PDB file of N, CA and C in Angstrom:
ATOM      1  N   MET A   1     129.732 116.754  65.491  1.00  0.00           N
ATOM      2  CA  MET A   1     128.810 116.251  64.494  1.00  0.00           C
ATOM      3  C   MET A   1     127.984 117.413  63.959  1.00  0.00           C
ATOM      4  N   LYS A   2     128.029 117.640  62.660  1.00  0.00           N
ATOM      5  CA  LYS A   2     127.223 118.676  62.027  1.00  0.00           C
ATOM      6  C   LYS A   2     125.812 118.144  61.792  1.00  0.00           C
ATOM      7  N   LEU A   3     124.865 119.080  61.702  1.00  0.00           N
ATOM      8  CA  LEU A   3     123.496 118.685  61.378  1.00  0.00           C
ATOM      9  C   LEU A   3     123.473 118.065  59.994  1.00  0.00           C
ATOM     10  N   SER A   4     122.572 117.122  59.780  1.00  0.00           N
ATOM     11  CA  SER A   4     122.466 116.512  58.462  1.00  0.00           C
ATOM     12  C   SER A   4     121.992 117.559  57.451  1.00  0.00           C
ATOM     13  N   LEU A   5     122.322 117.333  56.201  1.00  0.00           N
ATOM     14  CA  LEU A   5     121.976 118.278  55.137  1.00  0.00           C
ATOM     15  C   LEU A   5     120.465 118.495  55.041  1.00  0.00           C
ATOM     16  N   TRP A   6     119.696 117.434  55.141  1.00  0.00           N
ATOM     17  CA  TRP A   6     118.243 117.586  55.005  1.00  0.00           C
ATOM     18  C   TRP A   6     117.655 118.389  56.170  1.00  0.00           C
ATOM     19  N   LEU A   7     118.204 118.219  57.369  1.00  0.00           N
ATOM     20  CA  LEU A   7     117.712 118.970  58.521  1.00  0.00           C
ATOM     21  C   LEU A   7     118.104 120.440  58.398  1.00  0.00           C
ATOM     22  N   ARG A   8     119.318 120.706  57.927  1.00  0.00           N
ATOM     23  CA  ARG A   8     119.737 122.091  57.697  1.00  0.00           C
ATOM     24  C   ARG A   8     118.835 122.751  56.662  1.00  0.00           C
ATOM     25  N   ARG A   9     118.535 122.029  55.595  1.00  0.00           N
ATOM     26  CA  ARG A   9     117.635 122.579  54.560  1.00  0.00           C
ATOM     27  C   ARG A   9     116.235 122.814  55.117  1.00  0.00           C
ATOM     28  N   LEU A  10     115.759 121.885  55.911  1.00  0.00           N
ATOM     29  CA  LEU A  10     114.440 122.047  56.525  1.00  0.00           C
ATOM     30  C   LEU A  10     114.409 123.292  57.399  1.00  0.00           C
ATOM     31  N   PHE A  11     115.431 123.486  58.218  1.00  0.00           N
ATOM     32  CA  PHE A  11     115.490 124.675  59.075  1.00  0.00           C
ATOM     33  C   PHE A  11     115.537 125.951  58.230  1.00  0.00           C
ATOM     34  N   LEU A  12     116.270 125.930  57.111  1.00  0.00           N
ATOM     35  CA  LEU A  12     116.314 127.096  56.222  1.00  0.00           C
ATOM     36  C   LEU A  12     114.956 127.369  55.579  1.00  0.00           C
ATOM     37  N   VAL A  13     114.296 126.318  55.120  1.00  0.00           N
ATOM     38  CA  VAL A  13     112.958 126.476  54.528  1.00  0.00           C
ATOM     39  C   VAL A  13     112.005 127.058  55.562  1.00  0.00           C
ATOM     40  N   LEU A  14     112.005 126.486  56.760  1.00  0.00           N
ATOM     41  CA  LEU A  14     111.101 126.975  57.804  1.00  0.00           C
ATOM     42  C   LEU A  14     111.451 128.398  58.234  1.00  0.00           C
ATOM     43  N   ALA A  15     112.734 128.724  58.292  1.00  0.00           N
ATOM     44  CA  ALA A  15     113.134 130.091  58.638  1.00  0.00           C
ATOM     45  C   ALA A  15     112.576 131.071  57.618  1.00  0.00           C
ATOM     46  N   GLY A  16     112.680 130.740  56.350  1.00  0.00           N
ATOM     47  CA  GLY A  16     112.133 131.605  55.306  1.00  0.00           C
ATOM     48  C   GLY A  16     110.621 131.722  55.374  1.00  0.00           C
ATOM     49  N   LEU A  17     109.958 130.603  55.569  1.00  0.00           N
ATOM     50  CA  LEU A  17     108.492 130.626  55.657  1.00  0.00           C
ATOM     51  C   LEU A  17     108.016 131.360  56.909  1.00  0.00           C
ATOM     52  N   PHE A  18     108.685 131.146  58.036  1.00  0.00           N
ATOM     53  CA  PHE A  18     108.304 131.856  59.263  1.00  0.00           C
ATOM     54  C   PHE A  18     108.564 133.353  59.123  1.00  0.00           C
ATOM     55  N   GLY A  19     109.658 133.728  58.465  1.00  0.00           N
ATOM     56  CA  GLY A  19     109.936 135.136  58.227  1.00  0.00           C
ATOM     57  C   GLY A  19     108.851 135.771  57.370  1.00  0.00           C
ATOM     58  N   ALA A  20     108.481 135.099  56.293  1.00  0.00           N
ATOM     59  CA  ALA A  20     107.414 135.605  55.423  1.00  0.00           C
ATOM     60  C   ALA A  20     106.086 135.678  56.168  1.00  0.00           C
ATOM     61  N   LEU A  21     105.778 134.648  56.945  1.00  0.00           N
ATOM     62  CA  LEU A  21     104.555 134.635  57.741  1.00  0.00           C
ATOM     63  C   LEU A  21     104.538 135.796  58.722  1.00  0.00           C
ATOM     64  N   GLY A  22     105.669 136.050  59.356  1.00  0.00           N
ATOM     65  CA  GLY A  22     105.755 137.134  60.324  1.00  0.00           C
ATOM     66  C   GLY A  22     105.482 138.490  59.699  1.00  0.00           C
ATOM     67  N   VAL A  23     106.068 138.731  58.548  1.00  0.00           N
ATOM     68  CA  VAL A  23     105.853 140.011  57.869  1.00  0.00           C
ATOM     69  C   VAL A  23     104.415 140.123  57.369  1.00  0.00           C
ATOM     70  N   ALA A  24     103.894 139.050  56.796  1.00  0.00           N
ATOM     71  CA  ALA A  24     102.520 139.076  56.279  1.00  0.00           C
ATOM     72  C   ALA A  24     101.494 139.302  57.387  1.00  0.00           C
ATOM     73  N   THR A  25     101.677 138.630  58.505  1.00  0.00           N
ATOM     74  CA  THR A  25     100.708 138.804  59.591  1.00  0.00           C
ATOM     75  C   THR A  25     100.872 140.159  60.273  1.00  0.00           C
ATOM     76  N   ALA A  26     102.068 140.703  60.285  1.00  0.00           N
ATOM     77  CA  ALA A  26     102.247 142.060  60.816  1.00  0.00           C
ATOM     78  C   ALA A  26     101.513 143.054  59.934  1.00  0.00           C
ATOM     79  N   ALA A  27     101.616 142.890  58.627  1.00  0.00           N
ATOM     80  CA  ALA A  27     100.901 143.776  57.699  1.00  0.00           C
ATOM     81  C   ALA A  27      99.396 143.623  57.864  1.00  0.00           C
ATOM     82  N   ALA A  28      98.927 142.391  57.953  1.00  0.00           N
ATOM     83  CA  ALA A  28      97.490 142.157  58.129  1.00  0.00           C
ATOM     84  C   ALA A  28      97.000 142.743  59.448  1.00  0.00           C
ATOM     85  N   ALA A  29      97.793 142.621  60.488  1.00  0.00           N
ATOM     86  CA  ALA A  29      97.404 143.149  61.793  1.00  0.00           C
ATOM     87  C   ALA A  29      97.290 144.666  61.766  1.00  0.00           C
ATOM     88  N   SER A  30      98.102 145.307  60.948  1.00  0.00           N
ATOM     89  CA  SER A  30      98.079 146.768  60.905  1.00  0.00           C
ATOM     90  C   SER A  30      96.893 147.317  60.117  1.00  0.00           C
ATOM     91  N   HIS A  31      96.212 146.461  59.379  1.00  0.00           N
ATOM     92  CA  HIS A  31      95.102 146.920  58.537  1.00  0.00           C
ATOM     93  C   HIS A  31      93.732 146.463  59.010  1.00  0.00           C
ATOM     94  N   GLY A  32      93.677 145.713  60.072  1.00  0.00           N
ATOM     95  CA  GLY A  32      92.386 145.173  60.487  1.00  0.00           C
ATOM     96  C   GLY A  32      92.057 145.470  61.932  1.00  0.00           C
ATOM     97  N   THR A  33      90.865 145.069  62.277  1.00  0.00           N
ATOM     98  CA  THR A  33      90.448 145.161  63.666  1.00  0.00           C
ATOM     99  C   THR A  33      90.641 143.797  64.304  1.00  0.00           C
ATOM    100  N   ASP A  34      90.654 143.756  65.609  1.00  0.00           N
ATOM    101  CA  ASP A  34      90.876 142.516  66.342  1.00  0.00           C
ATOM    102  C   ASP A  34      92.124 141.799  65.832  1.00  0.00           C
ATOM    103  N   ALA A  35      93.237 142.518  65.847  1.00  0.00           N
ATOM    104  CA  ALA A  35      94.489 142.019  65.285  1.00  0.00           C
ATOM    105  C   ALA A  35      95.379 141.334  66.321  1.00  0.00           C
ATOM    106  N   ARG A  36      94.855 141.078  67.498  1.00  0.00           N
ATOM    107  CA  ARG A  36      95.666 140.507  68.576  1.00  0.00           C
ATOM    108  C   ARG A  36      96.325 139.190  68.172  1.00  0.00           C
ATOM    109  N   ASN A  37      95.564 138.269  67.605  1.00  0.00           N
ATOM    110  CA  ASN A  37      96.139 136.979  67.216  1.00  0.00           C
ATOM    111  C   ASN A  37      97.141 137.130  66.080  1.00  0.00           C
ATOM    112  N   LEU A  38      96.841 138.008  65.123  1.00  0.00           N
ATOM    113  CA  LEU A  38      97.777 138.216  64.015  1.00  0.00           C
ATOM    114  C   LEU A  38      99.085 138.820  64.505  1.00  0.00           C
ATOM    115  N   ALA A  39      99.003 139.755  65.421  1.00  0.00           N
ATOM    116  CA  ALA A  39     100.214 140.352  65.984  1.00  0.00           C
ATOM    117  C   ALA A  39     101.031 139.307  66.743  1.00  0.00           C
ATOM    118  N   ALA A  40     100.358 138.421  67.453  1.00  0.00           N
ATOM    119  CA  ALA A  40     101.062 137.360  68.182  1.00  0.00           C
ATOM    120  C   ALA A  40     101.727 136.392  67.216  1.00  0.00           C
ATOM    121  N   ILE A  41     101.040 136.027  66.143  1.00  0.00           N
ATOM    122  CA  ILE A  41     101.635 135.146  65.129  1.00  0.00           C
ATOM    123  C   ILE A  41     102.889 135.807  64.565  1.00  0.00           C
ATOM    124  N   SER A  42     102.782 137.093  64.248  1.00  0.00           N
ATOM    125  CA  SER A  42     103.922 137.826  63.694  1.00  0.00           C
ATOM    126  C   SER A  42     105.106 137.792  64.651  1.00  0.00           C
ATOM    127  N   ALA A  43     104.861 138.067  65.903  1.00  0.00           N
ATOM    128  CA  ALA A  43     105.945 138.092  66.887  1.00  0.00           C
ATOM    129  C   ALA A  43     106.605 136.728  67.028  1.00  0.00           C
ATOM    130  N   ILE A  44     105.797 135.689  67.117  1.00  0.00           N
ATOM    131  CA  ILE A  44     106.346 134.335  67.271  1.00  0.00           C
ATOM    132  C   ILE A  44     107.142 133.930  66.030  1.00  0.00           C
ATOM    133  N   ALA A  45     106.574 134.167  64.854  1.00  0.00           N
ATOM    134  CA  ALA A  45     107.249 133.773  63.617  1.00  0.00           C
ATOM    135  C   ALA A  45     108.552 134.542  63.422  1.00  0.00           C
ATOM    136  N   LEU A  46     108.510 135.864  63.666  1.00  0.00           N
ATOM    137  CA  LEU A  46     109.718 136.668  63.463  1.00  0.00           C
ATOM    138  C   LEU A  46     110.773 136.433  64.541  1.00  0.00           C
ATOM    139  N   ALA A  47     110.381 135.949  65.694  1.00  0.00           N
ATOM    140  CA  ALA A  47     111.363 135.623  66.736  1.00  0.00           C
ATOM    141  C   ALA A  47     112.063 134.303  66.463  1.00  0.00           C
ATOM    142  N   HIS A  48     111.359 133.362  65.847  1.00  0.00           N
ATOM    143  CA  HIS A  48     111.927 132.026  65.687  1.00  0.00           C
ATOM    144  C   HIS A  48     112.564 131.791  64.321  1.00  0.00           C
ATOM    145  N   ALA A  49     112.229 132.597  63.324  1.00  0.00           N
ATOM    146  CA  ALA A  49     112.874 132.465  62.012  1.00  0.00           C
ATOM    147  C   ALA A  49     114.390 132.663  62.109  1.00  0.00           C
ATOM    148  N   PRO A  50     114.865 133.721  62.771  1.00  0.00           N
ATOM    149  CA  PRO A  50     116.324 133.880  62.864  1.00  0.00           C
ATOM    150  C   PRO A  50     117.009 132.765  63.661  1.00  0.00           C
ATOM    151  N   ALA A  51     116.338 132.253  64.667  1.00  0.00           N
ATOM    152  CA  ALA A  51     116.928 131.153  65.446  1.00  0.00           C
ATOM    153  C   ALA A  51     117.130 129.931  64.558  1.00  0.00           C
ATOM    154  N   LEU A  52     116.144 129.616  63.732  1.00  0.00           N
ATOM    155  CA  LEU A  52     116.285 128.465  62.833  1.00  0.00           C
ATOM    156  C   LEU A  52     117.337 128.727  61.763  1.00  0.00           C
ATOM    157  N   LEU A  53     117.427 129.967  61.316  1.00  0.00           N
ATOM    158  CA  LEU A  53     118.458 130.328  60.342  1.00  0.00           C
ATOM    159  C   LEU A  53     119.854 130.087  60.916  1.00  0.00           C
ATOM    160  N   VAL A  54     120.074 130.527  62.134  1.00  0.00           N
ATOM    161  CA  VAL A  54     121.370 130.317  62.792  1.00  0.00           C
ATOM    162  C   VAL A  54     121.648 128.825  62.970  1.00  0.00           C
ATOM    163  N   LEU A  55     120.631 128.075  63.396  1.00  0.00           N
ATOM    164  CA  LEU A  55     120.833 126.629  63.570  1.00  0.00           C
ATOM    165  C   LEU A  55     121.167 125.960  62.239  1.00  0.00           C
ATOM    166  N   ALA A  56     120.541 126.411  61.164  1.00  0.00           N
ATOM    167  CA  ALA A  56     120.801 125.822  59.845  1.00  0.00           C
ATOM    168  C   ALA A  56     122.213 126.131  59.363  1.00  0.00           C
ATOM    169  N   LEU A  57     122.669 127.347  59.611  1.00  0.00           N
ATOM    170  CA  LEU A  57     123.964 127.762  59.082  1.00  0.00           C
ATOM    171  C   LEU A  57     125.137 127.373  59.965  1.00  0.00           C
ATOM    172  N   ALA A  58     124.932 127.336  61.268  1.00  0.00           N
ATOM    173  CA  ALA A  58     126.063 127.105  62.164  1.00  0.00           C
ATOM    174  C   ALA A  58     125.853 125.951  63.131  1.00  0.00           C
ATOM    175  N   GLY A  59     124.671 125.387  63.157  1.00  0.00           N
ATOM    176  CA  GLY A  59     124.357 124.373  64.163  1.00  0.00           C
ATOM    177  C   GLY A  59     125.146 123.099  64.012  1.00  0.00           C
ATOM    178  N   GLN A  60     125.515 122.586  65.142  1.00  0.00           N
ATOM    179  CA  GLN A  60     126.214 121.314  65.199  1.00  0.00           C
ATOM    180  C   GLN A  60     125.656 120.516  66.357  1.00  0.00           C
ATOM    181  N   GLY A  61     125.599 119.236  66.201  1.00  0.00           N
ATOM    182  CA  GLY A  61     125.259 118.351  67.298  1.00  0.00           C
ATOM    183  C   GLY A  61     123.793 117.994  67.399  1.00  0.00           C
ATOM    184  N   ARG A  62     123.574 116.872  68.039  1.00  0.00           N
ATOM    185  CA  ARG A  62     122.221 116.343  68.206  1.00  0.00           C
ATOM    186  C   ARG A  62     121.355 117.212  69.100  1.00  0.00           C
ATOM    187  N   VAL A  63     121.951 117.816  70.099  1.00  0.00           N
ATOM    188  CA  VAL A  63     121.159 118.619  71.029  1.00  0.00           C
ATOM    189  C   VAL A  63     120.613 119.855  70.319  1.00  0.00           C
ATOM    190  N   LEU A  64     121.451 120.513  69.508  1.00  0.00           N
ATOM    191  CA  LEU A  64     120.966 121.669  68.752  1.00  0.00           C
ATOM    192  C   LEU A  64     119.957 121.258  67.689  1.00  0.00           C
ATOM    193  N   ALA A  65     120.152 120.115  67.077  1.00  0.00           N
ATOM    194  CA  ALA A  65     119.167 119.624  66.110  1.00  0.00           C
ATOM    195  C   ALA A  65     117.827 119.392  66.795  1.00  0.00           C
ATOM    196  N   THR A  66     117.872 118.821  67.980  1.00  0.00           N
ATOM    197  CA  THR A  66     116.651 118.598  68.755  1.00  0.00           C
ATOM    198  C   THR A  66     115.978 119.920  69.093  1.00  0.00           C
ATOM    199  N   ALA A  67     116.775 120.905  69.502  1.00  0.00           N
ATOM    200  CA  ALA A  67     116.229 122.230  69.807  1.00  0.00           C
ATOM    201  C   ALA A  67     115.543 122.819  68.584  1.00  0.00           C
ATOM    202  N   GLY A  68     116.154 122.699  67.425  1.00  0.00           N
ATOM    203  CA  GLY A  68     115.562 123.224  66.200  1.00  0.00           C
ATOM    204  C   GLY A  68     114.260 122.547  65.830  1.00  0.00           C
ATOM    205  N   VAL A  69     114.215 121.247  65.983  1.00  0.00           N
ATOM    206  CA  VAL A  69     112.971 120.516  65.695  1.00  0.00           C
ATOM    207  C   VAL A  69     111.870 120.944  66.654  1.00  0.00           C
ATOM    208  N   ILE A  70     112.202 121.057  67.934  1.00  0.00           N
ATOM    209  CA  ILE A  70     111.204 121.469  68.930  1.00  0.00           C
ATOM    210  C   ILE A  70     110.725 122.892  68.648  1.00  0.00           C
ATOM    211  N   LEU A  71     111.645 123.803  68.329  1.00  0.00           N
ATOM    212  CA  LEU A  71     111.254 125.178  67.993  1.00  0.00           C
ATOM    213  C   LEU A  71     110.373 125.214  66.748  1.00  0.00           C
ATOM    214  N   SER A  72     110.699 124.397  65.760  1.00  0.00           N
ATOM    215  CA  SER A  72     109.901 124.348  64.527  1.00  0.00           C
ATOM    216  C   SER A  72     108.485 123.865  64.800  1.00  0.00           C
ATOM    217  N   VAL A  73     108.377 122.773  65.524  1.00  0.00           N
ATOM    218  CA  VAL A  73     107.057 122.216  65.844  1.00  0.00           C
ATOM    219  C   VAL A  73     106.263 123.198  66.709  1.00  0.00           C
ATOM    220  N   GLY A  74     106.922 123.789  67.700  1.00  0.00           N
ATOM    221  CA  GLY A  74     106.243 124.747  68.567  1.00  0.00           C
ATOM    222  C   GLY A  74     105.736 125.956  67.801  1.00  0.00           C
ATOM    223  N   THR A  75     106.558 126.497  66.907  1.00  0.00           N
ATOM    224  CA  THR A  75     106.152 127.654  66.113  1.00  0.00           C
ATOM    225  C   THR A  75     104.977 127.301  65.206  1.00  0.00           C
ATOM    226  N   LEU A  76     105.060 126.161  64.544  1.00  0.00           N
ATOM    227  CA  LEU A  76     103.965 125.724  63.675  1.00  0.00           C
ATOM    228  C   LEU A  76     102.665 125.538  64.459  1.00  0.00           C
ATOM    229  N   LEU A  77     102.758 124.880  65.579  1.00  0.00           N
ATOM    230  CA  LEU A  77     101.572 124.587  66.382  1.00  0.00           C
ATOM    231  C   LEU A  77     100.958 125.861  66.960  1.00  0.00           C
ATOM    232  N   PHE A  78     101.781 126.693  67.562  1.00  0.00           N
ATOM    233  CA  PHE A  78     101.294 127.927  68.188  1.00  0.00           C
ATOM    234  C   PHE A  78     100.695 128.859  67.137  1.00  0.00           C
ATOM    235  N   SER A  79     101.416 129.081  66.046  1.00  0.00           N
ATOM    236  CA  SER A  79     100.933 129.975  64.997  1.00  0.00           C
ATOM    237  C   SER A  79      99.678 129.433  64.321  1.00  0.00           C
ATOM    238  N   SER A  80      99.658 128.143  64.075  1.00  0.00           N
ATOM    239  CA  SER A  80      98.473 127.538  63.442  1.00  0.00           C
ATOM    240  C   SER A  80      97.244 127.674  64.316  1.00  0.00           C
ATOM    241  N   ASP A  81      97.405 127.445  65.612  1.00  0.00           N
ATOM    242  CA  ASP A  81      96.268 127.579  66.511  1.00  0.00           C
ATOM    243  C   ASP A  81      95.746 129.013  66.522  1.00  0.00           C
ATOM    244  N   LEU A  82      96.644 129.990  66.608  1.00  0.00           N
ATOM    245  CA  LEU A  82      96.207 131.385  66.612  1.00  0.00           C
ATOM    246  C   LEU A  82      95.546 131.777  65.294  1.00  0.00           C
ATOM    247  N   ALA A  83      96.066 131.278  64.177  1.00  0.00           N
ATOM    248  CA  ALA A  83      95.469 131.580  62.869  1.00  0.00           C
ATOM    249  C   ALA A  83      94.073 130.975  62.754  1.00  0.00           C
ATOM    250  N   VAL A  84      93.929 129.737  63.156  1.00  0.00           N
ATOM    251  CA  VAL A  84      92.607 129.090  63.099  1.00  0.00           C
ATOM    252  C   VAL A  84      91.632 129.820  64.017  1.00  0.00           C
ATOM    253  N   ARG A  85      92.080 130.201  65.195  1.00  0.00           N
ATOM    254  CA  ARG A  85      91.224 130.973  66.114  1.00  0.00           C
ATOM    255  C   ARG A  85      90.815 132.308  65.490  1.00  0.00           C
ATOM    256  N   HIS A  86      91.767 132.962  64.822  1.00  0.00           N
ATOM    257  CA  HIS A  86      91.474 134.271  64.226  1.00  0.00           C
ATOM    258  C   HIS A  86      90.402 134.157  63.143  1.00  0.00           C
ATOM    259  N   TRP A  87      90.520 133.155  62.273  1.00  0.00           N
ATOM    260  CA  TRP A  87      89.618 133.071  61.133  1.00  0.00           C
ATOM    261  C   TRP A  87      88.370 132.237  61.371  1.00  0.00           C
ATOM    262  N   THR A  88      88.390 131.338  62.354  1.00  0.00           N
ATOM    263  CA  THR A  88      87.188 130.525  62.588  1.00  0.00           C
ATOM    264  C   THR A  88      86.574 130.749  63.959  1.00  0.00           C
ATOM    265  N   GLY A  89      87.345 131.289  64.882  1.00  0.00           N
ATOM    266  CA  GLY A  89      86.857 131.479  66.241  1.00  0.00           C
ATOM    267  C   GLY A  89      86.999 130.249  67.115  1.00  0.00           C
ATOM    268  N   ALA A  90      87.494 129.168  66.556  1.00  0.00           N
ATOM    269  CA  ALA A  90      87.662 127.915  67.308  1.00  0.00           C
ATOM    270  C   ALA A  90      89.142 127.533  67.317  1.00  0.00           C
ATOM    271  N   PRO A  91      89.591 126.814  68.338  1.00  0.00           N
ATOM    272  CA  PRO A  91      91.002 126.410  68.368  1.00  0.00           C
ATOM    273  C   PRO A  91      91.299 125.305  67.355  1.00  0.00           C
ATOM    274  N   LEU A  92      92.562 125.152  67.038  1.00  0.00           N
ATOM    275  CA  LEU A  92      93.004 124.055  66.173  1.00  0.00           C
ATOM    276  C   LEU A  92      92.589 122.732  66.804  1.00  0.00           C
ATOM    277  N   PHE A  93      92.882 122.583  68.074  1.00  0.00           N
ATOM    278  CA  PHE A  93      92.382 121.520  68.935  1.00  0.00           C
ATOM    279  C   PHE A  93      92.575 122.011  70.360  1.00  0.00           C
ATOM    280  N   PRO A  94      91.846 121.474  71.312  1.00  0.00           N
ATOM    281  CA  PRO A  94      91.967 121.973  72.690  1.00  0.00           C
ATOM    282  C   PRO A  94      93.406 121.857  73.212  1.00  0.00           C
ATOM    283  N   GLY A  95      93.913 122.970  73.707  1.00  0.00           N
ATOM    284  CA  GLY A  95      95.253 122.978  74.272  1.00  0.00           C
ATOM    285  C   GLY A  95      96.374 123.150  73.271  1.00  0.00           C
ATOM    286  N   ALA A  96      96.058 123.428  72.000  1.00  0.00           N
ATOM    287  CA  ALA A  96      97.110 123.533  70.981  1.00  0.00           C
ATOM    288  C   ALA A  96      98.059 124.690  71.257  1.00  0.00           C
ATOM    289  N   ALA A  97      97.525 125.864  71.591  1.00  0.00           N
ATOM    290  CA  ALA A  97      98.395 127.024  71.838  1.00  0.00           C
ATOM    291  C   ALA A  97      99.305 126.802  73.049  1.00  0.00           C
ATOM    292  N   PRO A  98      98.781 126.344  74.178  1.00  0.00           N
ATOM    293  CA  PRO A  98      99.694 126.098  75.303  1.00  0.00           C
ATOM    294  C   PRO A  98     100.732 124.999  75.005  1.00  0.00           C
ATOM    295  N   LEU A  99     100.339 124.004  74.241  1.00  0.00           N
ATOM    296  CA  LEU A  99     101.285 122.954  73.870  1.00  0.00           C
ATOM    297  C   LEU A  99     102.378 123.525  72.975  1.00  0.00           C
ATOM    298  N   GLY A 100     101.987 124.333  71.995  1.00  0.00           N
ATOM    299  CA  GLY A 100     102.979 124.976  71.127  1.00  0.00           C
ATOM    300  C   GLY A 100     103.869 125.928  71.899  1.00  0.00           C
ATOM    301  N   GLY A 101     103.280 126.725  72.782  1.00  0.00           N
ATOM    302  CA  GLY A 101     104.074 127.647  73.603  1.00  0.00           C
ATOM    303  C   GLY A 101     105.031 126.908  74.521  1.00  0.00           C
ATOM    304  N   GLY A 102     104.567 125.818  75.093  1.00  0.00           N
ATOM    305  CA  GLY A 102     105.442 125.000  75.938  1.00  0.00           C
ATOM    306  C   GLY A 102     106.597 124.415  75.139  1.00  0.00           C
ATOM    307  N   ALA A 103     106.308 124.001  73.902  1.00  0.00           N
ATOM    308  CA  ALA A 103     107.369 123.480  73.039  1.00  0.00           C
ATOM    309  C   ALA A 103     108.394 124.570  72.731  1.00  0.00           C
ATOM    310  N   LEU A 104     107.922 125.793  72.519  1.00  0.00           N
ATOM    311  CA  LEU A 104     108.853 126.894  72.261  1.00  0.00           C
ATOM    312  C   LEU A 104     109.760 127.133  73.465  1.00  0.00           C
ATOM    313  N   ILE A 105     109.184 127.156  74.632  1.00  0.00           N
ATOM    314  CA  ILE A 105     109.990 127.328  75.855  1.00  0.00           C
ATOM    315  C   ILE A 105     111.002 126.194  75.978  1.00  0.00           C
ATOM    316  N   LEU A 106     110.550 124.964  75.782  1.00  0.00           N
ATOM    317  CA  LEU A 106     111.433 123.807  75.867  1.00  0.00           C
ATOM    318  C   LEU A 106     112.544 123.886  74.825  1.00  0.00           C
ATOM    319  N   GLY A 107     112.206 124.293  73.603  1.00  0.00           N
ATOM    320  CA  GLY A 107     113.212 124.407  72.553  1.00  0.00           C
ATOM    321  C   GLY A 107     114.321 125.378  72.911  1.00  0.00           C
ATOM    322  N   TRP A 108     113.946 126.526  73.490  1.00  0.00           N
ATOM    323  CA  TRP A 108     114.962 127.494  73.909  1.00  0.00           C
ATOM    324  C   TRP A 108     115.804 126.949  75.061  1.00  0.00           C
ATOM    325  N   ILE A 109     115.183 126.213  75.970  1.00  0.00           N
ATOM    326  CA  ILE A 109     115.943 125.612  77.077  1.00  0.00           C
ATOM    327  C   ILE A 109     116.913 124.564  76.543  1.00  0.00           C
ATOM    328  N   VAL A 110     116.453 123.733  75.615  1.00  0.00           N
ATOM    329  CA  VAL A 110     117.330 122.712  75.024  1.00  0.00           C
ATOM    330  C   VAL A 110     118.497 123.386  74.310  1.00  0.00           C
ATOM    331  N   MET A 111     118.233 124.502  73.627  1.00  0.00           N
ATOM    332  CA  MET A 111     119.306 125.219  72.955  1.00  0.00           C
ATOM    333  C   MET A 111     120.344 125.710  73.966  1.00  0.00           C
ATOM    334  N   SER A 112     119.888 126.212  75.082  1.00  0.00           N
ATOM    335  CA  SER A 112     120.838 126.697  76.089  1.00  0.00           C
ATOM    336  C   SER A 112     121.595 125.545  76.739  1.00  0.00           C
ATOM    337  N   VAL A 113     120.940 124.409  76.901  1.00  0.00           N
ATOM    338  CA  VAL A 113     121.617 123.232  77.456  1.00  0.00           C
ATOM    339  C   VAL A 113     122.704 122.744  76.505  1.00  0.00           C
ATOM    340  N   ALA A 114     122.485 122.942  75.201  1.00  0.00           N
ATOM    341  CA  ALA A 114     123.488 122.515  74.220  1.00  0.00           C
ATOM    342  C   ALA A 114     124.820 123.205  74.443  1.00  0.00           C
ATOM    343  N   ALA A 115     124.784 124.392  75.025  1.00  0.00           N
ATOM    344  CA  ALA A 115     126.030 125.125  75.260  1.00  0.00           C
ATOM    345  C   ALA A 115     126.946 124.435  76.253  1.00  0.00           C
ATOM    346  N   VAL A 116     126.421 123.571  77.091  1.00  0.00           N
ATOM    347  CA  VAL A 116     127.273 122.888  78.063  1.00  0.00           C
ATOM    348  C   VAL A 116     127.998 121.687  77.467  1.00  0.00           C
ATOM    349  N   PHE A 117     127.578 121.281  76.270  1.00  0.00           N
ATOM    350  CA  PHE A 117     128.231 120.143  75.627  1.00  0.00           C
ATOM    351  C   PHE A 117     129.400 120.631  74.798  1.00  0.00           C
ATOM    352  N   ARG A 118     130.529 120.095  75.054  1.00  0.00           N
ATOM    353  CA  ARG A 118     131.742 120.512  74.372  1.00  0.00           C
ATOM    354  C   ARG A 118     131.658 120.325  72.869  1.00  0.00           C
ATOM    355  N   SER A 119     130.965 119.293  72.420  1.00  0.00           N
ATOM    356  CA  SER A 119     130.899 119.000  70.980  1.00  0.00           C
ATOM    357  C   SER A 119     130.078 120.034  70.216  1.00  0.00           C
ATOM    358  N   THR A 120     129.381 120.924  70.929  1.00  0.00           N
ATOM    359  CA  THR A 120     128.591 121.945  70.276  1.00  0.00           C
ATOM    360  C   THR A 120     129.469 122.990  69.606  1.00  0.00           C
ATOM    361  N   PHE A 121     130.659 123.228  70.146  1.00  0.00           N
ATOM    362  CA  PHE A 121     131.534 124.295  69.670  1.00  0.00           C
ATOM    363  C   PHE A 121     132.796 123.720  69.056  1.00  0.00           C
ATOM    364  N   LYS A 122     133.281 124.411  68.029  1.00  0.00           N
ATOM    365  CA  LYS A 122     134.584 124.045  67.454  1.00  0.00           C
ATOM    366  C   LYS A 122     135.663 124.688  68.290  1.00  0.00           C
ATOM    367  N   ASN A 123     136.743 123.982  68.486  1.00  0.00           N
ATOM    368  CA  ASN A 123     137.871 124.547  69.259  1.00  0.00           C
ATOM    369  C   ASN A 123     138.829 125.251  68.329  1.00  0.00           C
TER     370      ASN A 123
END
């Protein structure tokens, strides 16, 4: 089963936006002081953009779709919390960063679990 067209498009849109976010925050981090959160946003965004790109272009199956959704939500949540902390000094909401980070870990685990399902690969 291939990913639905709308989910593939969503993953492509998010991959592009995360890639742009990663480059922009890396540039901002290089020009400012207290750039720790910006550097972390850059690393997270640039690490997960290619994963979503691969899932959009080659992903098959419900398990990989689930992994992509979890990675997308985790990246959005983690990056948003760090950005809000950087510019306001307050969290997005209590526990947002650990929740987003946990989602990222879970998303990568789900992706690896997808490899055990035969339907994930074409023969």
